[in-house]
Amino acid sequence: DVNVLADECLGFVIVLSGNFRAFIMSNTAKEITIFELNKNDACMMCQDCVFEKIAYNIFIQSTQECEILIIPKELFTMLKDKYPKIYDYVLKLMAMRFNALVNILEQALFTPLSVRLNEFLKAKAKNKIISLSHEEIALHLGSSREVISRIIKTMQKEGFIQQNRKEIIILKDL
């Protein structure tokens, strides 16, 4: 896991293989995923690559073995200043991340957890199988394992899913 602070710039990162989740954490250690990075995705590990002195605190966690390319802040700053298309790309990337953050915030505040869980399961399903524990799902959705387990149990009783240890199988459309 990496804790990304504004004064600890890692630079510009390109994911060569693997997956990461970026999340924020409350003072009570409650987490919510704000975006994910997959192969060929790029991310600034600090806003100093583009703007100066914008403070934020996010965490990055690999969800499987990963390989990344890091372009140090100094080199990236030189490249974006020399090549305007790079700066344009970074602004688009920032707009995408901001949009994703607003969507997550909107869902967390205004969408019932059961609906968010349905959408999450559909998005994560590979051949109708989700290989995540209730705890991992709860961390993604900013909830507790107990609440997620209760909703999943209801979904199972209604015949929408079947669950095994660390595996959920979608039986019919959610």
Protein backbone atom coordinates (compact mmCIF):
# COMPACT_ATOMS: atom_id res chain seq x y z
CA ASP A 1 0.00 0.00 0.00
CA VAL A 2 1.12 3.54 -0.69
CA ASN A 3 -0.14 6.59 1.16
CA VAL A 4 0.01 9.50 -1.27
CA LEU A 5 0.53 12.86 0.37
CA ALA A 6 0.91 16.17 -1.43
CA ASP A 7 4.43 16.67 -0.09
CA GLU A 8 5.62 13.20 -1.17
CA CYS A 9 5.33 13.33 -4.94
CA LEU A 10 6.04 10.01 -6.65
CA GLY A 11 5.55 11.48 -10.11
CA PHE A 12 3.48 10.31 -13.03
CA VAL A 13 2.65 6.59 -12.98
CA ILE A 14 1.66 4.27 -15.83
CA VAL A 15 0.37 0.81 -14.91
CA LEU A 16 2.11 -1.80 -17.07
CA SER A 17 0.33 -4.77 -15.49
CA GLY A 18 -1.92 -5.47 -12.54
CA ASN A 19 -4.58 -3.46 -10.75
CA PHE A 20 -4.67 -0.77 -8.09
CA ARG A 21 -7.44 0.79 -6.09
CA ALA A 22 -7.25 4.38 -4.89
CA PHE A 23 -9.21 5.08 -1.75
CA ILE A 24 -9.72 7.57 1.02
CA MET A 25 -9.92 6.64 4.68
CA SER A 26 -11.77 8.27 7.55
CA ASN A 27 -10.35 8.85 11.03
CA THR A 28 -12.17 5.66 12.05
CA ALA A 29 -10.41 3.63 9.31
CA LYS A 30 -13.54 3.40 7.15
CA GLU A 31 -12.54 3.25 3.46
CA ILE A 32 -14.20 3.99 0.14
CA THR A 33 -12.70 3.38 -3.29
CA ILE A 34 -12.55 6.54 -5.40
CA PHE A 35 -11.07 5.04 -8.57
CA GLU A 36 -9.22 2.02 -9.90
CA LEU A 37 -6.19 1.74 -12.14
CA ASN A 38 -5.73 -1.13 -14.57
CA LYS A 39 -3.20 -2.01 -17.26
CA ASN A 40 -2.26 1.04 -19.40
CA ASP A 41 -3.99 3.48 -17.03
CA ALA A 42 -2.05 6.53 -15.91
CA CYS A 43 -2.21 8.56 -12.75
CA MET A 44 -0.42 11.43 -11.13
CA MET A 45 0.75 10.43 -7.69
CA CYS A 46 0.63 14.06 -6.65
CA GLN A 47 -0.98 17.19 -8.02
CA ASP A 48 2.41 18.94 -7.85
CA CYS A 49 3.09 17.40 -11.27
CA VAL A 50 0.60 19.94 -12.64
CA PHE A 51 -0.23 22.46 -9.93
CA GLU A 52 1.69 23.49 -6.87
CA LYS A 53 0.63 23.05 -3.27
CA ILE A 54 -2.70 21.25 -3.65
CA ALA A 55 -2.99 19.06 -0.56
CA TYR A 56 -4.87 15.78 -0.43
CA ASN A 57 -4.40 12.39 1.14
CA ILE A 58 -5.28 9.20 -0.73
CA PHE A 59 -4.13 5.62 -0.45
CA ILE A 60 -3.15 3.33 -3.31
CA GLN A 61 -3.37 -0.43 -2.86
CA SER A 62 -2.40 -3.11 -5.35
CA THR A 63 -5.07 -5.76 -5.75
CA GLN A 64 -2.68 -8.15 -7.47
CA GLU A 65 0.97 -8.28 -8.48
CA CYS A 66 1.73 -5.12 -10.47
CA GLU A 67 4.34 -3.54 -12.64
CA ILE A 68 4.45 0.24 -13.01
CA LEU A 69 6.49 2.87 -14.77
CA ILE A 70 7.17 6.01 -12.74
CA ILE A 71 8.16 9.23 -14.49
CA PRO A 72 9.75 11.40 -11.79
CA LYS A 73 8.10 14.75 -11.08
CA GLU A 74 11.02 16.81 -12.43
CA LEU A 75 11.16 14.94 -15.74
CA PHE A 76 7.38 14.94 -16.10
CA THR A 77 7.23 18.70 -15.42
CA MET A 78 9.84 19.30 -18.12
CA LEU A 79 7.95 17.08 -20.61
CA LYS A 80 4.55 18.69 -20.00
CA ASP A 81 6.07 22.16 -20.32
CA LYS A 82 7.82 21.24 -23.58
CA TYR A 83 4.92 19.26 -25.11
CA PRO A 84 1.48 20.90 -24.70
CA LYS A 85 -0.31 17.67 -25.71
CA ILE A 86 1.02 16.03 -22.54
CA TYR A 87 -0.40 18.88 -20.46
CA ASP A 88 -3.75 18.54 -22.29
CA TYR A 89 -3.73 14.79 -21.58
CA VAL A 90 -3.08 15.41 -17.89
CA LEU A 91 -5.92 17.93 -17.66
CA LYS A 92 -8.28 15.39 -19.27
CA LEU A 93 -7.04 12.73 -16.87
CA MET A 94 -7.67 15.05 -13.91
CA ALA A 95 -11.16 15.84 -15.21
CA MET A 96 -11.90 12.09 -15.48
CA ARG A 97 -10.70 11.47 -11.92
CA PHE A 98 -12.70 14.44 -10.61
CA ASN A 99 -15.81 13.19 -12.42
CA ALA A 100 -15.32 9.70 -10.95
CA LEU A 101 -14.92 11.21 -7.49
CA VAL A 102 -18.12 13.25 -7.83
CA ASN A 103 -19.98 10.12 -9.02
CA ILE A 104 -18.70 8.11 -6.03
CA LEU A 105 -19.69 10.90 -3.66
CA GLU A 106 -23.13 11.18 -5.25
CA GLN A 107 -23.68 7.42 -5.01
CA ALA A 108 -22.44 7.23 -1.42
CA LEU A 109 -24.75 10.05 -0.33
CA PHE A 110 -27.88 9.47 -2.41
CA THR A 111 -28.03 5.85 -3.60
CA PRO A 112 -29.15 3.04 -1.29
CA LEU A 113 -26.35 0.63 -0.41
CA SER A 114 -28.26 -2.34 -1.84
CA VAL A 115 -28.37 -0.62 -5.26
CA ARG A 116 -24.68 0.30 -5.03
CA LEU A 117 -23.87 -3.29 -4.12
CA ASN A 118 -25.84 -4.62 -7.12
CA GLU A 119 -23.98 -2.28 -9.47
CA PHE A 120 -20.64 -3.16 -7.91
CA LEU A 121 -21.26 -6.91 -8.26
CA LYS A 122 -22.28 -6.52 -11.91
CA ALA A 123 -19.17 -4.44 -12.63
CA LYS A 124 -16.81 -6.88 -10.90
CA ALA A 125 -18.33 -10.11 -12.26
CA LYS A 126 -16.19 -12.20 -14.57
CA ASN A 127 -18.36 -14.92 -16.10
CA LYS A 128 -20.95 -14.17 -13.40
CA ILE A 129 -18.39 -14.82 -10.63
CA ILE A 130 -17.08 -12.26 -8.15
CA SER A 131 -13.98 -13.40 -6.25
CA LEU A 132 -14.00 -10.95 -3.37
CA SER A 133 -14.70 -11.35 0.33
CA HIS A 134 -17.51 -9.44 2.03
CA GLU A 135 -14.81 -7.38 3.79
CA GLU A 136 -13.19 -6.42 0.47
CA ILE A 137 -16.57 -5.43 -0.99
CA ALA A 138 -17.33 -3.37 2.12
CA LEU A 139 -14.03 -1.51 1.78
CA HIS A 140 -14.78 -0.64 -1.84
CA LEU A 141 -18.26 0.66 -0.98
CA GLY A 142 -17.47 2.49 2.25
CA SER A 143 -19.55 0.16 4.39
CA SER A 144 -19.02 -2.53 7.00
CA ARG A 145 -18.65 -6.25 6.40
CA GLU A 146 -21.70 -6.96 8.55
CA VAL A 147 -23.98 -4.72 6.49
CA ILE A 148 -22.69 -6.14 3.19
CA SER A 149 -23.14 -9.70 4.51
CA ARG A 150 -26.73 -8.93 5.50
CA ILE A 151 -27.59 -7.54 2.03
CA ILE A 152 -25.86 -10.45 0.28
CA LYS A 153 -27.76 -12.93 2.45
CA THR A 154 -31.04 -11.27 1.39
CA MET A 155 -29.98 -11.42 -2.27
CA GLN A 156 -29.19 -15.11 -1.84
CA LYS A 157 -32.58 -15.82 -0.23
CA GLU A 158 -34.24 -14.07 -3.18
CA GLY A 159 -32.35 -16.34 -5.60
CA PHE A 160 -30.24 -13.66 -7.28
CA ILE A 161 -26.89 -15.01 -6.14
CA GLN A 162 -25.19 -18.04 -4.64
CA GLN A 163 -22.23 -17.60 -2.37
CA ASN A 164 -19.28 -19.75 -1.46
CA ARG A 165 -16.24 -18.75 0.55
CA LYS A 166 -14.77 -15.60 -1.03
CA GLU A 167 -16.89 -16.13 -4.14
CA ILE A 168 -20.29 -14.85 -5.23
CA ILE A 169 -22.04 -16.33 -8.27
CA ILE A 170 -24.73 -14.31 -10.05
CA LEU A 171 -27.64 -16.63 -10.84
CA LYS A 172 -29.99 -14.13 -12.48
CA ASP A 173 -29.87 -10.48 -13.48
CA LEU A 174 -29.48 -8.12 -10.56
